[in-house]
Amino acid sequence: MIQPAAGQSSAWELPEYKERINAFSAGIGKTWERETYISELSYSGLVGSLQWDGWKGAKPDGVMGYGRVHSSVLFGYLKNQLGGGRMLYASVNYYYSRIWSVVHTKCSDLLLGPSAMFKLCGLYDTTDSNNTATGEGYLSMGLCADYICRFNIRNYPLAVQLNMYSPLLGIAPSPNYDQPYWFVYKYNQYTSLIHFAWFGNCFALNGQMNVICPLRGGSIRLGCSIDYLGNKLGGHLTRLMDTCFTIGYVHRLAKKN
C-alpha cells in the first residue's frame, strides 16, 4: 500500500529506502526547428508539454543508490513566416538513471550518474513538399546530473532544483543526404538510416530549473525546461529546440512493509 510519507522540514529531501518522489508538470512555450530534409527554412511556433520526474531510494547507503526517471511528451504547431509553410511536431523523451549522491549537506545535494536515454521526434509538413515527414532522435547512454539547493525565506522553506541530461554515445536515425524514405523502403536500405552518434556529431541537452514550494503535504513546482538536439548525421542539418514554462505538483510516497 502506498501512503504519503511523513512531512519534511525542508522543501525537498532525498528519498529514503523504498521511498519515492513523483513530480508531474504541464507547460507551454516555444519551439524552433530547422530540418533540412524537409525544408531549408526555419520554423517556429507554440509547443505544449507534459512532464513526469521520479526519484526512488533503491539503496541510499550504496553507490548508485537512487533511481531517477524523466519522461516528457511535447506537441507543437510551427509556422514559417517567409514561405508561409506549416508544420506539425511531436516529441517523446524517456530517460532512466542510477545516480550517486556525490554531495549531501543540510542545504544542498549533488547527484550524478549514467543514464539510458531514448528520444523520438516526428515532423510533418502540411504544405507542398517533396519530403513531407521525417523522424529524429537517438538511443544512447549519457549522463544525468541533479543539483538541489534548500533555503528559507521568513521561515518558509523553498528549494531550487537544477537537472540536466546529455547523451554521450549511441545510435540515431537519419536518411543519407536527404535520401527519401520511399527510396529506403523500395530498395530495402534500412540499415543506411542508422548512424553511430556521439556528443561530437550529435549534441543534445535536456535541462530543467525549478523552484519548489511546499503546499498541503506536497509541493508546487514552478520552472522552465529546455530541450535541444542538433546534428548533421546523414549529411543534412537538424536543429530542434523547445523551451517551456512549467507548473506542477510534487508528491512524496512511502511503501509500507
C-alpha atoms as a PDB file:
ATOM      1  CA  MET A   1       0.000   0.000   0.000  1.00  0.00           C
ATOM      2  CA  ILE A   2       1.248   3.463  -0.914  1.00  0.00           C
ATOM      3  CA  GLN A   3       0.720   6.332   1.508  1.00  0.00           C
ATOM      4  CA  PRO A   4       2.117   9.851   1.788  1.00  0.00           C
ATOM      5  CA  ALA A   5       5.305   9.864   3.797  1.00  0.00           C
ATOM      6  CA  ALA A   6       5.797  11.949   6.897  1.00  0.00           C
ATOM      7  CA  GLY A   7       6.245  15.679   6.354  1.00  0.00           C
ATOM      8  CA  GLN A   8       9.709  17.042   5.783  1.00  0.00           C
ATOM      9  CA  SER A   9      11.228  20.052   7.481  1.00  0.00           C
ATOM     10  CA  SER A  10      12.560  21.390   4.168  1.00  0.00           C
ATOM     11  CA  ALA A  11      11.070  21.823   0.723  1.00  0.00           C
ATOM     12  CA  TRP A  12      12.917  18.856  -0.826  1.00  0.00           C
ATOM     13  CA  GLU A  13      14.872  15.941   0.641  1.00  0.00           C
ATOM     14  CA  LEU A  14      16.361  12.832  -0.944  1.00  0.00           C
ATOM     15  CA  PRO A  15      14.063   9.784  -0.800  1.00  0.00           C
ATOM     16  CA  GLU A  16      14.805   7.205   1.855  1.00  0.00           C
ATOM     17  CA  TYR A  17      14.751   3.428   1.342  1.00  0.00           C
ATOM     18  CA  LYS A  18      11.631   2.351  -0.613  1.00  0.00           C
ATOM     19  CA  GLU A  19      10.500   5.963  -0.748  1.00  0.00           C
ATOM     20  CA  ARG A  20       9.524   7.680  -3.982  1.00  0.00           C
ATOM     21  CA  ILE A  21       9.132  11.267  -5.092  1.00  0.00           C
ATOM     22  CA  ASN A  22       6.926  11.937  -8.124  1.00  0.00           C
ATOM     23  CA  ALA A  23       6.646  15.278  -9.901  1.00  0.00           C
ATOM     24  CA  PHE A  24       4.067  15.937 -12.617  1.00  0.00           C
ATOM     25  CA  SER A  25       4.231  19.139 -14.674  1.00  0.00           C
ATOM     26  CA  ALA A  26       2.479  20.768 -17.610  1.00  0.00           C
ATOM     27  CA  GLY A  27       3.965  23.570 -19.638  1.00  0.00           C
ATOM     28  CA  ILE A  28       3.663  25.839 -22.623  1.00  0.00           C
ATOM     29  CA  GLY A  29       6.387  27.564 -24.562  1.00  0.00           C
ATOM     30  CA  LYS A  30       8.053  27.968 -27.922  1.00  0.00           C
ATOM     31  CA  THR A  31       9.687  25.571 -30.347  1.00  0.00           C
ATOM     32  CA  TRP A  32      12.208  26.351 -33.074  1.00  0.00           C
ATOM     33  CA  GLU A  33      13.089  23.792 -35.744  1.00  0.00           C
ATOM     34  CA  ARG A  34      15.317  23.542 -38.785  1.00  0.00           C
ATOM     35  CA  GLU A  35      15.308  20.165 -40.511  1.00  0.00           C
ATOM     36  CA  THR A  36      16.783  20.429 -43.995  1.00  0.00           C
ATOM     37  CA  TYR A  37      15.384  17.042 -45.032  1.00  0.00           C
ATOM     38  CA  ILE A  38      12.004  18.820 -45.152  1.00  0.00           C
ATOM     39  CA  SER A  39      12.972  22.440 -45.811  1.00  0.00           C
ATOM     40  CA  GLU A  40      15.946  24.778 -45.842  1.00  0.00           C
ATOM     41  CA  LEU A  41      13.801  27.323 -43.975  1.00  0.00           C
ATOM     42  CA  SER A  42      13.408  27.611 -40.205  1.00  0.00           C
ATOM     43  CA  TYR A  43      10.074  27.085 -38.462  1.00  0.00           C
ATOM     44  CA  SER A  44       8.858  28.255 -35.057  1.00  0.00           C
ATOM     45  CA  GLY A  45       5.657  28.165 -33.046  1.00  0.00           C
ATOM     46  CA  LEU A  46       3.910  27.221 -29.828  1.00  0.00           C
ATOM     47  CA  VAL A  47       4.596  23.961 -28.029  1.00  0.00           C
ATOM     48  CA  GLY A  48       2.812  22.278 -25.130  1.00  0.00           C
ATOM     49  CA  SER A  49       4.384  19.687 -22.851  1.00  0.00           C
ATOM     50  CA  LEU A  50       3.565  17.107 -20.206  1.00  0.00           C
ATOM     51  CA  GLN A  51       6.464  16.010 -17.991  1.00  0.00           C
ATOM     52  CA  TRP A  52       6.977  13.434 -15.279  1.00  0.00           C
ATOM     53  CA  ASP A  53      10.004  13.151 -12.988  1.00  0.00           C
ATOM     54  CA  GLY A  54      10.645  10.485 -10.386  1.00  0.00           C
ATOM     55  CA  TRP A  55      13.219   9.712  -7.702  1.00  0.00           C
ATOM     56  CA  LYS A  56      13.431   6.432  -5.786  1.00  0.00           C
ATOM     57  CA  GLY A  57      15.512   5.393  -2.794  1.00  0.00           C
ATOM     58  CA  ALA A  58      16.584   1.973  -4.100  1.00  0.00           C
ATOM     59  CA  LYS A  59      19.593   1.593  -1.775  1.00  0.00           C
ATOM     60  CA  PRO A  60      20.547   5.018  -0.401  1.00  0.00           C
ATOM     61  CA  ASP A  61      23.549   3.708   1.569  1.00  0.00           C
ATOM     62  CA  GLY A  62      25.175   2.217  -1.542  1.00  0.00           C
ATOM     63  CA  VAL A  63      26.852   3.639  -4.623  1.00  0.00           C
ATOM     64  CA  MET A  64      24.270   4.497  -7.291  1.00  0.00           C
ATOM     65  CA  GLY A  65      21.682   4.056  -4.579  1.00  0.00           C
ATOM     66  CA  TYR A  66      18.999   6.280  -6.148  1.00  0.00           C
ATOM     67  CA  GLY A  67      16.840   5.761  -9.211  1.00  0.00           C
ATOM     68  CA  ARG A  68      15.943   8.708 -11.436  1.00  0.00           C
ATOM     69  CA  VAL A  69      13.392   8.896 -14.276  1.00  0.00           C
ATOM     70  CA  HIS A  70      12.412  11.729 -16.593  1.00  0.00           C
ATOM     71  CA  SER A  71       9.809  11.435 -19.333  1.00  0.00           C
ATOM     72  CA  SER A  72       8.020  14.038 -21.410  1.00  0.00           C
ATOM     73  CA  VAL A  73       5.670  14.437 -24.361  1.00  0.00           C
ATOM     74  CA  LEU A  74       5.598  17.606 -26.482  1.00  0.00           C
ATOM     75  CA  PHE A  75       3.296  18.761 -29.273  1.00  0.00           C
ATOM     76  CA  GLY A  76       3.872  21.814 -31.456  1.00  0.00           C
ATOM     77  CA  TYR A  77       2.389  23.712 -34.384  1.00  0.00           C
ATOM     78  CA  LEU A  78       5.009  25.611 -36.363  1.00  0.00           C
ATOM     79  CA  LYS A  79       4.944  28.319 -39.000  1.00  0.00           C
ATOM     80  CA  ASN A  80       7.448  29.769 -41.400  1.00  0.00           C
ATOM     81  CA  GLN A  81       6.985  33.496 -41.910  1.00  0.00           C
ATOM     82  CA  LEU A  82       8.937  33.658 -45.191  1.00  0.00           C
ATOM     83  CA  GLY A  83       7.397  30.815 -47.137  1.00  0.00           C
ATOM     84  CA  GLY A  84       4.056  30.559 -45.369  1.00  0.00           C
ATOM     85  CA  GLY A  85       4.655  26.899 -44.525  1.00  0.00           C
ATOM     86  CA  ARG A  86       3.036  24.959 -41.680  1.00  0.00           C
ATOM     87  CA  MET A  87       4.448  22.017 -39.767  1.00  0.00           C
ATOM     88  CA  LEU A  88       3.268  19.648 -37.028  1.00  0.00           C
ATOM     89  CA  TYR A  89       5.754  18.488 -34.430  1.00  0.00           C
ATOM     90  CA  ALA A  90       5.744  15.824 -31.713  1.00  0.00           C
ATOM     91  CA  SER A  91       8.455  14.584 -29.374  1.00  0.00           C
ATOM     92  CA  VAL A  92       8.756  11.812 -26.770  1.00  0.00           C
ATOM     93  CA  ASN A  93      11.609  11.576 -24.228  1.00  0.00           C
ATOM     94  CA  TYR A  94      12.343   8.828 -21.721  1.00  0.00           C
ATOM     95  CA  TYR A  95      15.494   8.801 -19.564  1.00  0.00           C
ATOM     96  CA  TYR A  96      16.385   6.377 -16.766  1.00  0.00           C
ATOM     97  CA  SER A  97      19.364   6.816 -14.458  1.00  0.00           C
ATOM     98  CA  ARG A  98      21.012   5.293 -11.414  1.00  0.00           C
ATOM     99  CA  ILE A  99      22.594   8.145  -9.523  1.00  0.00           C
ATOM    100  CA  TRP A 100      25.155   8.647  -6.792  1.00  0.00           C
ATOM    101  CA  SER A 101      24.863  11.210  -4.012  1.00  0.00           C
ATOM    102  CA  VAL A 102      28.184  12.976  -4.565  1.00  0.00           C
ATOM    103  CA  VAL A 103      27.448  15.822  -2.120  1.00  0.00           C
ATOM    104  CA  HIS A 104      24.895  15.800   0.691  1.00  0.00           C
ATOM    105  CA  THR A 105      24.700  18.669   3.176  1.00  0.00           C
ATOM    106  CA  LYS A 106      21.990  20.381   5.171  1.00  0.00           C
ATOM    107  CA  CYS A 107      21.388  22.908   2.401  1.00  0.00           C
ATOM    108  CA  SER A 108      22.284  21.105  -0.840  1.00  0.00           C
ATOM    109  CA  ASP A 109      22.566  17.833  -2.754  1.00  0.00           C
ATOM    110  CA  LEU A 110      24.516  16.942  -5.885  1.00  0.00           C
ATOM    111  CA  LEU A 111      23.580  13.733  -7.716  1.00  0.00           C
ATOM    112  CA  LEU A 112      25.463  12.257 -10.694  1.00  0.00           C
ATOM    113  CA  GLY A 113      25.145   9.066 -12.655  1.00  0.00           C
ATOM    114  CA  PRO A 114      24.879   7.253 -16.001  1.00  0.00           C
ATOM    115  CA  SER A 115      21.629   7.365 -17.920  1.00  0.00           C
ATOM    116  CA  ALA A 116      19.921   5.258 -20.590  1.00  0.00           C
ATOM    117  CA  MET A 117      18.248   7.763 -22.921  1.00  0.00           C
ATOM    118  CA  PHE A 118      15.581   7.488 -25.623  1.00  0.00           C
ATOM    119  CA  LYS A 119      14.248  10.360 -27.726  1.00  0.00           C
ATOM    120  CA  LEU A 120      11.990  10.286 -30.788  1.00  0.00           C
ATOM    121  CA  CYS A 121      10.707  13.318 -32.718  1.00  0.00           C
ATOM    122  CA  GLY A 122       8.357  13.475 -35.672  1.00  0.00           C
ATOM    123  CA  LEU A 123       7.966  16.386 -38.116  1.00  0.00           C
ATOM    124  CA  TYR A 124       5.206  16.632 -40.732  1.00  0.00           C
ATOM    125  CA  ASP A 125       4.982  19.405 -43.329  1.00  0.00           C
ATOM    126  CA  THR A 126       1.313  20.215 -44.066  1.00  0.00           C
ATOM    127  CA  THR A 127       2.193  22.259 -47.181  1.00  0.00           C
ATOM    128  CA  ASP A 128       3.560  21.102 -50.538  1.00  0.00           C
ATOM    129  CA  SER A 129       6.871  19.328 -50.050  1.00  0.00           C
ATOM    130  CA  ASN A 130       8.823  16.546 -51.714  1.00  0.00           C
ATOM    131  CA  ASN A 131       9.670  15.107 -48.294  1.00  0.00           C
ATOM    132  CA  THR A 132       6.594  15.652 -46.152  1.00  0.00           C
ATOM    133  CA  ALA A 133       7.693  13.876 -42.955  1.00  0.00           C
ATOM    134  CA  THR A 134      10.787  12.770 -41.122  1.00  0.00           C
ATOM    135  CA  GLY A 135      11.934  11.456 -37.755  1.00  0.00           C
ATOM    136  CA  GLU A 136      14.787  12.414 -35.443  1.00  0.00           C
ATOM    137  CA  GLY A 137      16.066  11.206 -32.096  1.00  0.00           C
ATOM    138  CA  TYR A 138      18.532   8.822 -30.514  1.00  0.00           C
ATOM    139  CA  LEU A 139      19.019   5.735 -28.355  1.00  0.00           C
ATOM    140  CA  SER A 140      22.008   6.482 -26.204  1.00  0.00           C
ATOM    141  CA  MET A 141      23.941   6.200 -22.992  1.00  0.00           C
ATOM    142  CA  GLY A 142      24.509   9.525 -21.315  1.00  0.00           C
ATOM    143  CA  LEU A 143      24.924  11.499 -18.138  1.00  0.00           C
ATOM    144  CA  CYS A 144      22.409  12.705 -15.556  1.00  0.00           C
ATOM    145  CA  ALA A 145      23.120  15.474 -13.059  1.00  0.00           C
ATOM    146  CA  ASP A 146      20.823  16.864 -10.333  1.00  0.00           C
ATOM    147  CA  TYR A 147      21.559  19.765  -8.001  1.00  0.00           C
ATOM    148  CA  ILE A 148      19.213  20.843  -5.196  1.00  0.00           C
ATOM    149  CA  CYS A 149      19.652  23.917  -3.011  1.00  0.00           C
ATOM    150  CA  ARG A 150      17.441  24.362   0.067  1.00  0.00           C
ATOM    151  CA  PHE A 151      16.824  27.655   1.862  1.00  0.00           C
ATOM    152  CA  ASN A 152      14.236  29.587   3.883  1.00  0.00           C
ATOM    153  CA  ILE A 153      12.595  32.949   3.289  1.00  0.00           C
ATOM    154  CA  ARG A 154      10.998  34.236   6.517  1.00  0.00           C
ATOM    155  CA  ASN A 155      10.873  30.674   7.869  1.00  0.00           C
ATOM    156  CA  TYR A 156       9.135  29.409   4.721  1.00  0.00           C
ATOM    157  CA  PRO A 157      11.144  26.519   3.196  1.00  0.00           C
ATOM    158  CA  LEU A 158      11.971  26.649  -0.513  1.00  0.00           C
ATOM    159  CA  ALA A 159      14.227  24.722  -2.860  1.00  0.00           C
ATOM    160  CA  VAL A 160      15.808  25.368  -6.228  1.00  0.00           C
ATOM    161  CA  GLN A 161      16.378  22.313  -8.373  1.00  0.00           C
ATOM    162  CA  LEU A 162      18.574  22.082 -11.474  1.00  0.00           C
ATOM    163  CA  ASN A 163      18.842  18.929 -13.548  1.00  0.00           C
ATOM    164  CA  MET A 164      20.452  18.015 -16.825  1.00  0.00           C
ATOM    165  CA  TYR A 165      20.618  15.049 -19.206  1.00  0.00           C
ATOM    166  CA  SER A 166      23.042  14.744 -22.103  1.00  0.00           C
ATOM    167  CA  PRO A 167      23.626  11.735 -24.394  1.00  0.00           C
ATOM    168  CA  LEU A 168      27.223  10.685 -24.963  1.00  0.00           C
ATOM    169  CA  LEU A 169      27.290   7.533 -27.110  1.00  0.00           C
ATOM    170  CA  GLY A 170      24.604   5.710 -29.092  1.00  0.00           C
ATOM    171  CA  ILE A 171      22.764   5.448 -32.412  1.00  0.00           C
ATOM    172  CA  ALA A 172      20.485   7.911 -34.219  1.00  0.00           C
ATOM    173  CA  PRO A 173      18.253   7.732 -37.332  1.00  0.00           C
ATOM    174  CA  SER A 174      18.909   9.959 -40.362  1.00  0.00           C
ATOM    175  CA  PRO A 175      18.458   9.428 -44.128  1.00  0.00           C
ATOM    176  CA  ASN A 176      21.717   9.787 -46.059  1.00  0.00           C
ATOM    177  CA  TYR A 177      21.980  13.125 -47.887  1.00  0.00           C
ATOM    178  CA  ASP A 178      18.219  13.747 -47.864  1.00  0.00           C
ATOM    179  CA  GLN A 179      17.514  10.384 -49.451  1.00  0.00           C
ATOM    180  CA  PRO A 180      13.700   9.972 -49.486  1.00  0.00           C
ATOM    181  CA  TYR A 181      12.214   7.370 -47.180  1.00  0.00           C
ATOM    182  CA  TRP A 182      10.356   5.771 -50.095  1.00  0.00           C
ATOM    183  CA  PHE A 183      13.756   5.086 -51.686  1.00  0.00           C
ATOM    184  CA  VAL A 184      14.929   3.390 -48.496  1.00  0.00           C
ATOM    185  CA  TYR A 185      11.747   1.304 -48.478  1.00  0.00           C
ATOM    186  CA  LYS A 186      11.883   0.432 -52.209  1.00  0.00           C
ATOM    187  CA  TYR A 187      15.475  -0.776 -52.113  1.00  0.00           C
ATOM    188  CA  ASN A 188      15.392  -2.226 -48.602  1.00  0.00           C
ATOM    189  CA  GLN A 189      18.174   0.031 -47.293  1.00  0.00           C
ATOM    190  CA  TYR A 190      17.007   0.388 -43.718  1.00  0.00           C
ATOM    191  CA  THR A 191      20.469  -0.033 -42.259  1.00  0.00           C
ATOM    192  CA  SER A 192      21.529   3.196 -44.008  1.00  0.00           C
ATOM    193  CA  LEU A 193      19.178   5.133 -41.699  1.00  0.00           C
ATOM    194  CA  ILE A 194      21.086   4.184 -38.544  1.00  0.00           C
ATOM    195  CA  HIS A 195      24.190   6.191 -37.695  1.00  0.00           C
ATOM    196  CA  PHE A 196      26.729   5.994 -34.909  1.00  0.00           C
ATOM    197  CA  ALA A 197      26.162   9.043 -32.699  1.00  0.00           C
ATOM    198  CA  TRP A 198      28.311  10.647 -30.029  1.00  0.00           C
ATOM    199  CA  PHE A 199      28.422  14.126 -28.497  1.00  0.00           C
ATOM    200  CA  GLY A 200      30.807  15.276 -31.236  1.00  0.00           C
ATOM    201  CA  ASN A 201      28.335  14.727 -34.111  1.00  0.00           C
ATOM    202  CA  CYS A 202      25.001  14.586 -32.263  1.00  0.00           C
ATOM    203  CA  PHE A 203      24.855  17.100 -29.445  1.00  0.00           C
ATOM    204  CA  ALA A 204      21.732  17.091 -27.283  1.00  0.00           C
ATOM    205  CA  LEU A 205      20.753  18.546 -23.933  1.00  0.00           C
ATOM    206  CA  ASN A 206      17.658  18.312 -21.778  1.00  0.00           C
ATOM    207  CA  GLY A 207      17.610  20.608 -18.766  1.00  0.00           C
ATOM    208  CA  GLN A 208      15.210  21.927 -16.153  1.00  0.00           C
ATOM    209  CA  MET A 209      15.265  24.624 -13.489  1.00  0.00           C
ATOM    210  CA  ASN A 210      12.509  24.573 -10.855  1.00  0.00           C
ATOM    211  CA  VAL A 211      11.528  26.334  -7.653  1.00  0.00           C
ATOM    212  CA  ILE A 212       9.789  24.009  -5.177  1.00  0.00           C
ATOM    213  CA  CYS A 213       7.279  25.422  -2.693  1.00  0.00           C
ATOM    214  CA  PRO A 214       5.679  23.144  -0.009  1.00  0.00           C
ATOM    215  CA  LEU A 215       1.869  23.029  -0.011  1.00  0.00           C
ATOM    216  CA  ARG A 216      -0.503  20.735   1.951  1.00  0.00           C
ATOM    217  CA  GLY A 217       1.504  17.523   2.146  1.00  0.00           C
ATOM    218  CA  GLY A 218       3.100  18.035  -1.244  1.00  0.00           C
ATOM    219  CA  SER A 219       4.828  20.812  -3.150  1.00  0.00           C
ATOM    220  CA  ILE A 220       4.187  23.111  -6.070  1.00  0.00           C
ATOM    221  CA  ARG A 221       6.947  23.139  -8.679  1.00  0.00           C
ATOM    222  CA  LEU A 222       7.405  26.201 -10.907  1.00  0.00           C
ATOM    223  CA  GLY A 223      10.096  26.326 -13.523  1.00  0.00           C
ATOM    224  CA  CYS A 224      11.286  26.184 -17.077  1.00  0.00           C
ATOM    225  CA  SER A 225      12.731  23.477 -19.300  1.00  0.00           C
ATOM    226  CA  ILE A 226      14.850  23.373 -22.434  1.00  0.00           C
ATOM    227  CA  ASP A 227      15.325  20.503 -24.868  1.00  0.00           C
ATOM    228  CA  TYR A 228      17.884  20.786 -27.683  1.00  0.00           C
ATOM    229  CA  LEU A 229      19.024  18.395 -30.411  1.00  0.00           C
ATOM    230  CA  GLY A 230      21.485  19.268 -33.180  1.00  0.00           C
ATOM    231  CA  ASN A 231      23.346  17.091 -35.676  1.00  0.00           C
ATOM    232  CA  LYS A 232      24.481  16.681 -39.285  1.00  0.00           C
ATOM    233  CA  LEU A 233      24.075  12.928 -39.430  1.00  0.00           C
ATOM    234  CA  GLY A 234      23.391  11.697 -42.953  1.00  0.00           C
ATOM    235  CA  GLY A 235      24.734  14.948 -44.399  1.00  0.00           C
ATOM    236  CA  HIS A 236      21.795  17.248 -43.647  1.00  0.00           C
ATOM    237  CA  LEU A 237      21.286  19.721 -40.820  1.00  0.00           C
ATOM    238  CA  THR A 238      18.954  19.135 -37.876  1.00  0.00           C
ATOM    239  CA  ARG A 239      18.376  21.655 -35.099  1.00  0.00           C
ATOM    240  CA  LEU A 240      15.409  21.268 -32.754  1.00  0.00           C
ATOM    241  CA  MET A 241      14.920  23.378 -29.639  1.00  0.00           C
ATOM    242  CA  ASP A 242      11.966  23.560 -27.248  1.00  0.00           C
ATOM    243  CA  THR A 243      11.616  25.893 -24.275  1.00  0.00           C
ATOM    244  CA  CYS A 244       8.667  25.682 -21.864  1.00  0.00           C
ATOM    245  CA  PHE A 245       7.482  27.358 -18.693  1.00  0.00           C
ATOM    246  CA  THR A 246       6.039  24.680 -16.431  1.00  0.00           C
ATOM    247  CA  ILE A 247       3.884  24.273 -13.343  1.00  0.00           C
ATOM    248  CA  GLY A 248       3.446  21.018 -11.489  1.00  0.00           C
ATOM    249  CA  TYR A 249       2.945  19.120  -8.250  1.00  0.00           C
ATOM    250  CA  VAL A 250       5.473  17.091  -6.259  1.00  0.00           C
ATOM    251  CA  HIS A 251       4.254  14.197  -4.102  1.00  0.00           C
ATOM    252  CA  ARG A 252       6.317  12.046  -1.735  1.00  0.00           C
ATOM    253  CA  LEU A 253       5.248   8.420  -1.294  1.00  0.00           C
ATOM    254  CA  ALA A 254       6.449   5.652   1.035  1.00  0.00           C
ATOM    255  CA  LYS A 255       5.693   1.936   0.705  1.00  0.00           C
ATOM    256  CA  LYS A 256       4.550   0.133   3.848  1.00  0.00           C
ATOM    257  CA  ASN A 257       6.383  -3.050   4.724  1.00  0.00           C
END
